[in-house]
C-alpha atoms as a PDB file:
ATOM      1  CA  MET A   1     -10.836  -2.050  18.332  1.00  0.00           C
ATOM      2  CA  LYS A   2      -7.660  -2.679  16.325  1.00  0.00           C
ATOM      3  CA  LEU A   3      -6.641   0.071  13.942  1.00  0.00           C
ATOM      4  CA  SER A   4      -5.396  -0.874  10.465  1.00  0.00           C
ATOM      5  CA  VAL A   5      -2.228   1.040   9.648  1.00  0.00           C
ATOM      6  CA  ASP A   6       0.206   0.426   6.785  1.00  0.00           C
ATOM      7  CA  TRP A   7       3.888   1.260   6.825  1.00  0.00           C
ATOM      8  CA  LYS A   8       4.144   5.016   6.298  1.00  0.00           C
ATOM      9  CA  GLY A   9       6.455   4.510   3.304  1.00  0.00           C
ATOM     10  CA  LEU A  10       3.557   3.034   1.331  1.00  0.00           C
ATOM     11  CA  ARG A  11       0.979   5.735   2.033  1.00  0.00           C
ATOM     12  CA  TRP A  12      -0.013   8.165  -0.713  1.00  0.00           C
ATOM     13  CA  GLU A  13       1.600  11.203   0.904  1.00  0.00           C
ATOM     14  CA  THR A  14       4.978   9.395   0.880  1.00  0.00           C
ATOM     15  CA  VAL A  15       4.444   8.085  -2.640  1.00  0.00           C
ATOM     16  CA  LYS A  16       3.774  11.665  -3.756  1.00  0.00           C
ATOM     17  CA  GLY A  17       7.226  12.723  -2.558  1.00  0.00           C
ATOM     18  CA  VAL A  18       8.796  10.098  -4.830  1.00  0.00           C
ATOM     19  CA  ALA A  19       6.469  10.126  -7.824  1.00  0.00           C
ATOM     20  CA  ASN A  20       5.403  13.766  -8.098  1.00  0.00           C
ATOM     21  CA  ASN A  21       8.101  16.370  -7.465  1.00  0.00           C
ATOM     22  CA  ASP A  22       9.977  19.008  -9.451  1.00  0.00           C
ATOM     23  CA  PHE A  23      12.803  16.603 -10.319  1.00  0.00           C
ATOM     24  CA  THR A  24      10.318  13.996 -11.552  1.00  0.00           C
ATOM     25  CA  ARG A  25       8.781  16.433 -14.017  1.00  0.00           C
ATOM     26  CA  VAL A  26      12.202  17.084 -15.545  1.00  0.00           C
ATOM     27  CA  VAL A  27      13.274  13.433 -15.612  1.00  0.00           C
ATOM     28  CA  THR A  28      10.098  12.329 -17.371  1.00  0.00           C
ATOM     29  CA  LEU A  29      11.204  14.309 -20.428  1.00  0.00           C
ATOM     30  CA  ILE A  30      14.337  12.170 -20.832  1.00  0.00           C
ATOM     31  CA  PRO A  31      12.690   9.120 -22.500  1.00  0.00           C
ATOM     32  CA  ILE A  32      11.577  11.288 -25.434  1.00  0.00           C
ATOM     33  CA  ALA A  33      15.096  12.501 -26.227  1.00  0.00           C
ATOM     34  CA  GLY A  34      16.667   9.355 -24.777  1.00  0.00           C
ATOM     35  CA  TYR A  35      14.949   7.143 -27.307  1.00  0.00           C
ATOM     36  CA  LEU A  36      16.675   8.986 -30.145  1.00  0.00           C
ATOM     37  CA  ILE A  37      20.044   8.769 -28.394  1.00  0.00           C
ATOM     38  CA  LEU A  38      19.905   5.186 -27.171  1.00  0.00           C
ATOM     39  CA  PHE A  39      18.953   3.720 -30.511  1.00  0.00           C
ATOM     40  CA  ASN A  40      21.321   5.854 -32.569  1.00  0.00           C
ATOM     41  CA  ASP A  41      24.535   3.848 -32.920  1.00  0.00           C
ATOM     42  CA  GLU A  42      26.703   6.833 -33.820  1.00  0.00           C
ATOM     43  CA  ILE A  43      25.651   8.940 -30.835  1.00  0.00           C
ATOM     44  CA  ALA A  44      25.809   5.990 -28.427  1.00  0.00           C
ATOM     45  CA  GLY A  45      29.301   5.124 -29.642  1.00  0.00           C
ATOM     46  CA  MET A  46      30.544   8.649 -28.889  1.00  0.00           C
ATOM     47  CA  ALA A  47      29.271   8.603 -25.303  1.00  0.00           C
ATOM     48  CA  SER A  48      32.416   7.365 -23.582  1.00  0.00           C
ATOM     49  CA  PHE A  49      32.523  10.187 -20.988  1.00  0.00           C
ATOM     50  CA  ASP A  50      36.342   9.932 -20.999  1.00  0.00           C
ATOM     51  CA  ALA A  51      36.729  13.633 -21.785  1.00  0.00           C
ATOM     52  CA  LEU A  52      34.676  14.520 -18.732  1.00  0.00           C
ATOM     53  CA  ALA A  53      37.009  12.490 -16.531  1.00  0.00           C
ATOM     54  CA  GLY A  54      40.061  14.100 -18.147  1.00  0.00           C
ATOM     55  CA  VAL A  55      41.584  10.961 -19.652  1.00  0.00           C
ATOM     56  CA  SER A  56      42.761  10.365 -23.187  1.00  0.00           C
ATOM     57  CA  GLU A  57      41.873   7.458 -25.437  1.00  0.00           C
ATOM     58  CA  ALA A  58      45.272   5.868 -24.775  1.00  0.00           C
ATOM     59  CA  GLU A  59      44.718   5.742 -21.012  1.00  0.00           C
ATOM     60  CA  LYS A  60      42.728   3.134 -19.155  1.00  0.00           C
ATOM     61  CA  SER A  61      39.127   4.202 -18.575  1.00  0.00           C
ATOM     62  CA  PRO A  62      38.467   5.135 -14.933  1.00  0.00           C
ATOM     63  CA  PHE A  63      34.803   4.232 -15.221  1.00  0.00           C
ATOM     64  CA  LEU A  64      33.238   1.113 -13.768  1.00  0.00           C
ATOM     65  CA  MET A  65      30.617   1.082 -16.543  1.00  0.00           C
ATOM     66  CA  ASN A  66      30.992   1.871 -20.213  1.00  0.00           C
ATOM     67  CA  GLY A  67      29.214   4.807 -21.847  1.00  0.00           C
ATOM     68  CA  LEU A  68      26.474   2.725 -23.459  1.00  0.00           C
ATOM     69  CA  THR A  69      25.583   1.085 -20.146  1.00  0.00           C
ATOM     70  CA  LYS A  70      25.279   4.490 -18.491  1.00  0.00           C
ATOM     71  CA  LEU A  71      23.017   5.721 -21.288  1.00  0.00           C
ATOM     72  CA  ARG A  72      20.816   2.668 -20.946  1.00  0.00           C
ATOM     73  CA  LEU A  73      20.545   3.115 -17.200  1.00  0.00           C
ATOM     74  CA  MET A  74      19.624   6.777 -17.638  1.00  0.00           C
ATOM     75  CA  PHE A  75      17.035   5.935 -20.279  1.00  0.00           C
ATOM     76  CA  PHE A  76      15.344   3.095 -18.417  1.00  0.00           C
ATOM     77  CA  GLY A  77      15.672   4.925 -15.093  1.00  0.00           C
ATOM     78  CA  SER A  78      13.806   7.922 -16.456  1.00  0.00           C
ATOM     79  CA  LEU A  79      11.255   5.566 -18.023  1.00  0.00           C
ATOM     80  CA  PHE A  80      10.635   3.962 -14.632  1.00  0.00           C
ATOM     81  CA  VAL A  81      10.238   7.395 -13.026  1.00  0.00           C
ATOM     82  CA  LEU A  82       7.737   8.286 -15.750  1.00  0.00           C
ATOM     83  CA  CYS A  83       5.741   5.115 -14.968  1.00  0.00           C
ATOM     84  CA  SER A  84       5.787   6.019 -11.273  1.00  0.00           C
ATOM     85  CA  PHE A  85       4.495   9.516 -12.077  1.00  0.00           C
ATOM     86  CA  LEU A  86       1.705   8.245 -14.351  1.00  0.00           C
ATOM     87  CA  ILE A  87       0.510   5.656 -11.814  1.00  0.00           C
ATOM     88  CA  TYR A  88       0.440   8.345  -9.127  1.00  0.00           C
ATOM     89  CA  ARG A  89      -1.534  10.744 -11.309  1.00  0.00           C
ATOM     90  CA  LEU A  90      -4.089   8.087 -12.219  1.00  0.00           C
ATOM     91  CA  PHE A  91      -4.790   6.682  -8.760  1.00  0.00           C
ATOM     92  CA  ARG A  92      -3.847   9.335  -6.174  1.00  0.00           C
ATOM     93  CA  PRO A  93      -6.697  10.694  -4.012  1.00  0.00           C
ATOM     94  CA  ASP A  94      -7.840  14.171  -5.022  1.00  0.00           C
ATOM     95  CA  VAL A  95      -7.699  15.316  -1.409  1.00  0.00           C
ATOM     96  CA  LEU A  96      -3.905  14.988  -1.476  1.00  0.00           C
ATOM     97  CA  GLU A  97      -3.761  17.779  -4.032  1.00  0.00           C
ATOM     98  CA  ALA A  98      -5.829  20.002  -1.734  1.00  0.00           C
ATOM     99  CA  ALA A  99      -3.883  19.408   1.492  1.00  0.00           C
ATOM    100  CA  LYS A 100      -0.511  17.837   2.255  1.00  0.00           C
ATOM    101  CA  ASN A 101      -1.513  16.452   5.662  1.00  0.00           C
ATOM    102  CA  ASP A 102      -4.537  15.820   7.873  1.00  0.00           C
ATOM    103  CA  LEU A 103      -4.183  19.005   9.928  1.00  0.00           C
ATOM    104  CA  GLU A 104      -4.033  21.185   6.824  1.00  0.00           C
ATOM    105  CA  PHE A 105      -7.090  19.394   5.445  1.00  0.00           C
ATOM    106  CA  SER A 106      -8.957  19.924   8.716  1.00  0.00           C
ATOM    107  CA  GLU A 107      -8.337  23.667   8.474  1.00  0.00           C
ATOM    108  CA  LEU A 108      -9.413  23.666   4.828  1.00  0.00           C
ATOM    109  CA  VAL A 109     -12.682  21.974   5.773  1.00  0.00           C
ATOM    110  CA  ARG A 110     -13.428  24.615   8.393  1.00  0.00           C
ATOM    111  CA  GLN A 111     -12.989  27.355   5.811  1.00  0.00           C
ATOM    112  CA  ARG A 112     -14.592  25.936   2.680  1.00  0.00           C
ATOM    113  CA  TYR A 113     -16.598  22.715   3.098  1.00  0.00           C
ATOM    114  CA  SER A 114     -20.370  22.859   3.178  1.00  0.00           C
ATOM    115  CA  VAL A 115     -22.594  20.994   5.611  1.00  0.00           C
ATOM    116  CA  HIS A 116     -23.645  18.683   2.799  1.00  0.00           C
ATOM    117  CA  GLU A 117     -20.022  17.773   2.036  1.00  0.00           C
ATOM    118  CA  LEU A 118     -19.329  17.140   5.718  1.00  0.00           C
ATOM    119  CA  ALA A 119     -22.385  14.907   5.952  1.00  0.00           C
ATOM    120  CA  GLN A 120     -21.078  12.856   3.030  1.00  0.00           C
ATOM    121  CA  ILE A 121     -17.698  12.428   4.736  1.00  0.00           C
ATOM    122  CA  GLU A 122     -19.388  11.390   7.985  1.00  0.00           C
ATOM    123  CA  GLU A 123     -21.599   8.879   6.185  1.00  0.00           C
ATOM    124  CA  ARG A 124     -18.550   7.349   4.505  1.00  0.00           C
ATOM    125  CA  VAL A 125     -16.521   7.124   7.733  1.00  0.00           C
ATOM    126  CA  HIS A 126     -19.435   5.570   9.627  1.00  0.00           C
ATOM    127  CA  SER A 127     -20.181   3.013   6.917  1.00  0.00           C
ATOM    128  CA  GLU A 128     -19.565  -0.712   7.504  1.00  0.00           C
ATOM    129  CA  SER A 129     -16.917  -0.824   4.769  1.00  0.00           C
ATOM    130  CA  TRP A 130     -14.763   1.862   6.388  1.00  0.00           C
ATOM    131  CA  VAL A 131     -11.484   0.721   7.973  1.00  0.00           C
ATOM    132  CA  GLU A 132     -10.601   2.620  11.158  1.00  0.00           C
ATOM    133  CA  ARG A 133      -7.267   4.481  10.957  1.00  0.00           C
ATOM    134  CA  THR A 134      -6.882   6.982  13.827  1.00  0.00           C
ATOM    135  CA  GLU A 135      -7.232   6.342  17.534  1.00  0.00           C
ATOM    136  CA  ALA A 136      -7.909  10.039  18.213  1.00  0.00           C
ATOM    137  CA  PHE A 137     -11.272   9.791  16.440  1.00  0.00           C
ATOM    138  CA  TRP A 138     -12.419   6.304  17.395  1.00  0.00           C
ATOM    139  CA  THR A 139     -11.497   6.362  21.090  1.00  0.00           C
ATOM    140  CA  VAL A 140     -13.220   8.805  23.465  1.00  0.00           C
ATOM    141  CA  LEU A 141     -12.198   8.680  27.142  1.00  0.00           C
ATOM    142  CA  GLY A 142     -11.085   5.091  26.726  1.00  0.00           C
ATOM    143  CA  GLN A 143     -14.344   4.018  25.069  1.00  0.00           C
ATOM    144  CA  GLN A 144     -14.981   3.264  21.406  1.00  0.00           C
ATOM    145  CA  ARG A 145     -16.939   6.001  19.640  1.00  0.00           C
ATOM    146  CA  SER A 146     -20.407   5.016  18.486  1.00  0.00           C
ATOM    147  CA  LYS A 147     -21.222   5.473  14.800  1.00  0.00           C
ATOM    148  CA  LYS A 148     -24.018   7.939  15.460  1.00  0.00           C
ATOM    149  CA  PRO A 149     -24.370  10.778  12.905  1.00  0.00           C
ATOM    150  CA  VAL A 150     -23.714  14.240  14.269  1.00  0.00           C
ATOM    151  CA  VAL A 151     -23.379  16.355  11.128  1.00  0.00           C
ATOM    152  CA  SER A 152     -26.383  14.933   9.292  1.00  0.00           C
ATOM    153  CA  GLY A 153     -29.522  17.067   9.452  1.00  0.00           C
ATOM    154  CA  TYR A 154     -27.828  20.441   9.893  1.00  0.00           C
ATOM    155  CA  ARG A 155     -28.814  23.151   7.461  1.00  0.00           C
ATOM    156  CA  PRO A 156     -26.168  25.301   5.739  1.00  0.00           C
ATOM    157  CA  ASP A 157     -27.469  28.422   7.509  1.00  0.00           C
ATOM    158  CA  VAL A 158     -26.477  27.010  10.903  1.00  0.00           C
ATOM    159  CA  ARG A 159     -22.987  25.935   9.814  1.00  0.00           C
ATOM    160  CA  ALA A 160     -21.263  28.304  12.266  1.00  0.00           C
ATOM    161  CA  GLN A 161     -23.306  26.915  15.175  1.00  0.00           C
ATOM    162  CA  MET A 162     -22.436  23.372  14.147  1.00  0.00           C
ATOM    163  CA  PHE A 163     -18.706  24.087  14.187  1.00  0.00           C
ATOM    164  CA  SER A 164     -19.050  25.898  17.502  1.00  0.00           C
ATOM    165  CA  LYS A 165     -20.823  22.938  19.113  1.00  0.00           C
ATOM    166  CA  HIS A 166     -19.056  20.026  17.389  1.00  0.00           C
ATOM    167  CA  GLY A 167     -15.786  21.579  16.226  1.00  0.00           C
ATOM    168  CA  ASP A 168     -13.530  18.957  17.833  1.00  0.00           C
ATOM    169  CA  TYR A 169     -15.638  16.098  16.511  1.00  0.00           C
ATOM    170  CA  ILE A 170     -15.591  17.479  12.960  1.00  0.00           C
ATOM    171  CA  GLY A 171     -11.854  18.103  13.154  1.00  0.00           C
ATOM    172  CA  PHE A 172     -11.122  14.495  14.149  1.00  0.00           C
ATOM    173  CA  LEU A 173     -13.709  13.201  11.661  1.00  0.00           C
ATOM    174  CA  VAL A 174     -12.145  14.843   8.618  1.00  0.00           C
ATOM    175  CA  ARG A 175      -8.644  13.870   9.755  1.00  0.00           C
ATOM    176  CA  GLU A 176      -9.816  10.264   9.961  1.00  0.00           C
ATOM    177  CA  TRP A 177     -11.247  10.560   6.454  1.00  0.00           C
ATOM    178  CA  TRP A 178      -8.021  12.102   5.107  1.00  0.00           C
ATOM    179  CA  GLU A 179      -6.007   9.289   6.681  1.00  0.00           C
ATOM    180  CA  GLY A 180      -8.312   6.737   5.094  1.00  0.00           C
ATOM    181  CA  MET A 181      -7.789   8.265   1.668  1.00  0.00           C
ATOM    182  CA  MET A 182      -4.030   7.722   2.029  1.00  0.00           C
ATOM    183  CA  TYR A 183      -4.633   3.941   1.993  1.00  0.00           C
ATOM    184  CA  THR A 184      -6.669   3.664  -1.215  1.00  0.00           C
ATOM    185  CA  TYR A 185      -5.484   1.564  -4.196  1.00  0.00           C
ATOM    186  CA  ARG A 186      -2.726  -0.321  -2.392  1.00  0.00           C
ATOM    187  CA  PRO A 187      -1.372  -2.085  -5.545  1.00  0.00           C
ATOM    188  CA  ALA A 188      -1.053   1.306  -7.255  1.00  0.00           C
ATOM    189  CA  ARG A 189       0.763   2.775  -4.244  1.00  0.00           C
ATOM    190  CA  ILE A 190       3.240  -0.091  -4.171  1.00  0.00           C
ATOM    191  CA  SER A 191       3.750  -0.035  -7.944  1.00  0.00           C
ATOM    192  CA  SER A 192       4.344   3.706  -8.035  1.00  0.00           C
ATOM    193  CA  MET A 193       6.832   3.513  -5.170  1.00  0.00           C
ATOM    194  CA  VAL A 194       8.718   0.532  -6.655  1.00  0.00           C
ATOM    195  CA  PHE A 195       8.966   2.140 -10.098  1.00  0.00           C
ATOM    196  CA  GLY A 196      10.086   5.432  -8.558  1.00  0.00           C
ATOM    197  CA  VAL A 197      12.769   3.983  -6.280  1.00  0.00           C
ATOM    198  CA  ALA A 198      14.079   1.674  -9.014  1.00  0.00           C
ATOM    199  CA  GLY A 199      14.135   4.552 -11.494  1.00  0.00           C
ATOM    200  CA  TYR A 200      16.072   6.858  -9.177  1.00  0.00           C
ATOM    201  CA  ALA A 201      18.548   4.046  -8.463  1.00  0.00           C
ATOM    202  CA  MET A 202      19.152   3.555 -12.187  1.00  0.00           C
ATOM    203  CA  LEU A 203      19.706   7.280 -12.595  1.00  0.00           C
ATOM    204  CA  ALA A 204      22.052   7.395  -9.599  1.00  0.00           C
ATOM    205  CA  PHE A 205      24.467   4.659 -10.767  1.00  0.00           C
ATOM    206  CA  PRO A 206      25.760   6.532 -13.866  1.00  0.00           C
ATOM    207  CA  THR A 207      26.055   9.757 -11.856  1.00  0.00           C
ATOM    208  CA  LEU A 208      28.047   8.034  -9.107  1.00  0.00           C
ATOM    209  CA  ASP A 209      30.263   6.338 -11.693  1.00  0.00           C
ATOM    210  CA  ILE A 210      31.054   9.666 -13.368  1.00  0.00           C
ATOM    211  CA  ALA A 211      31.614  11.351  -9.986  1.00  0.00           C
ATOM    212  CA  GLN A 212      34.095   8.732  -8.771  1.00  0.00           C
ATOM    213  CA  ALA A 213      36.020   8.877 -12.062  1.00  0.00           C
ATOM    214  CA  VAL A 214      36.287  12.670 -11.952  1.00  0.00           C
ATOM    215  CA  LEU A 215      37.345  12.645  -8.282  1.00  0.00           C
ATOM    216  CA  ARG A 216      39.970   9.987  -8.908  1.00  0.00           C
ATOM    217  CA  HIS A 217      41.411  12.076 -11.720  1.00  0.00           C
ATOM    218  CA  LEU A 218      41.453  15.259  -9.611  1.00  0.00           C
ATOM    219  CA  PHE A 219      43.192  13.654  -6.631  1.00  0.00           C
ATOM    220  CA  SER A 220      45.669  11.722  -8.775  1.00  0.00           C
ATOM    221  CA  ALA A 221      46.694  14.776 -10.778  1.00  0.00           C
END
């Protein structure tokens, strides 16, 4: 059996770190105000940033980019980050909001999931369309695990006995399912990551330009 594993940078849990964080929620507000700034000639013309770098109008600008270019990069960068956030929110698996990794999800299942919900997960993982992701679940003592239902048929009133008898199996089963959910909607994962990385890069260039100008002024003074 050959497991199908994508590069970790394209899995949903990694995409979440780029597309859905505290900084993202702040940045996504910029396009609303940025639209008014970018397309207002008077405001855009005043954004030279020379005062911040401590230079007068008569001196040569220490910046590598002019003020309008920096505003455009900030506007479109925040717009890209907003696109990344929206794609993530539309296509991300719900389980990622409940648990940040497979071990945390496994513990959550032990505490809250019903036998019926576990049976549904098992049926999905054992289906012909499922793509195997974790060796820990599919390989038992060097042999491939058979797709024989274990959870199905148990009543809710014997849930404790089921976990006592098949606790390891259930733990590996739900971790396999969680891993599988991290590979859903591959085009959306790639799009969200590309928009996010490109957006942060656009936001970083103006910041780095301002930082180098200010540092040059401080050390030359």
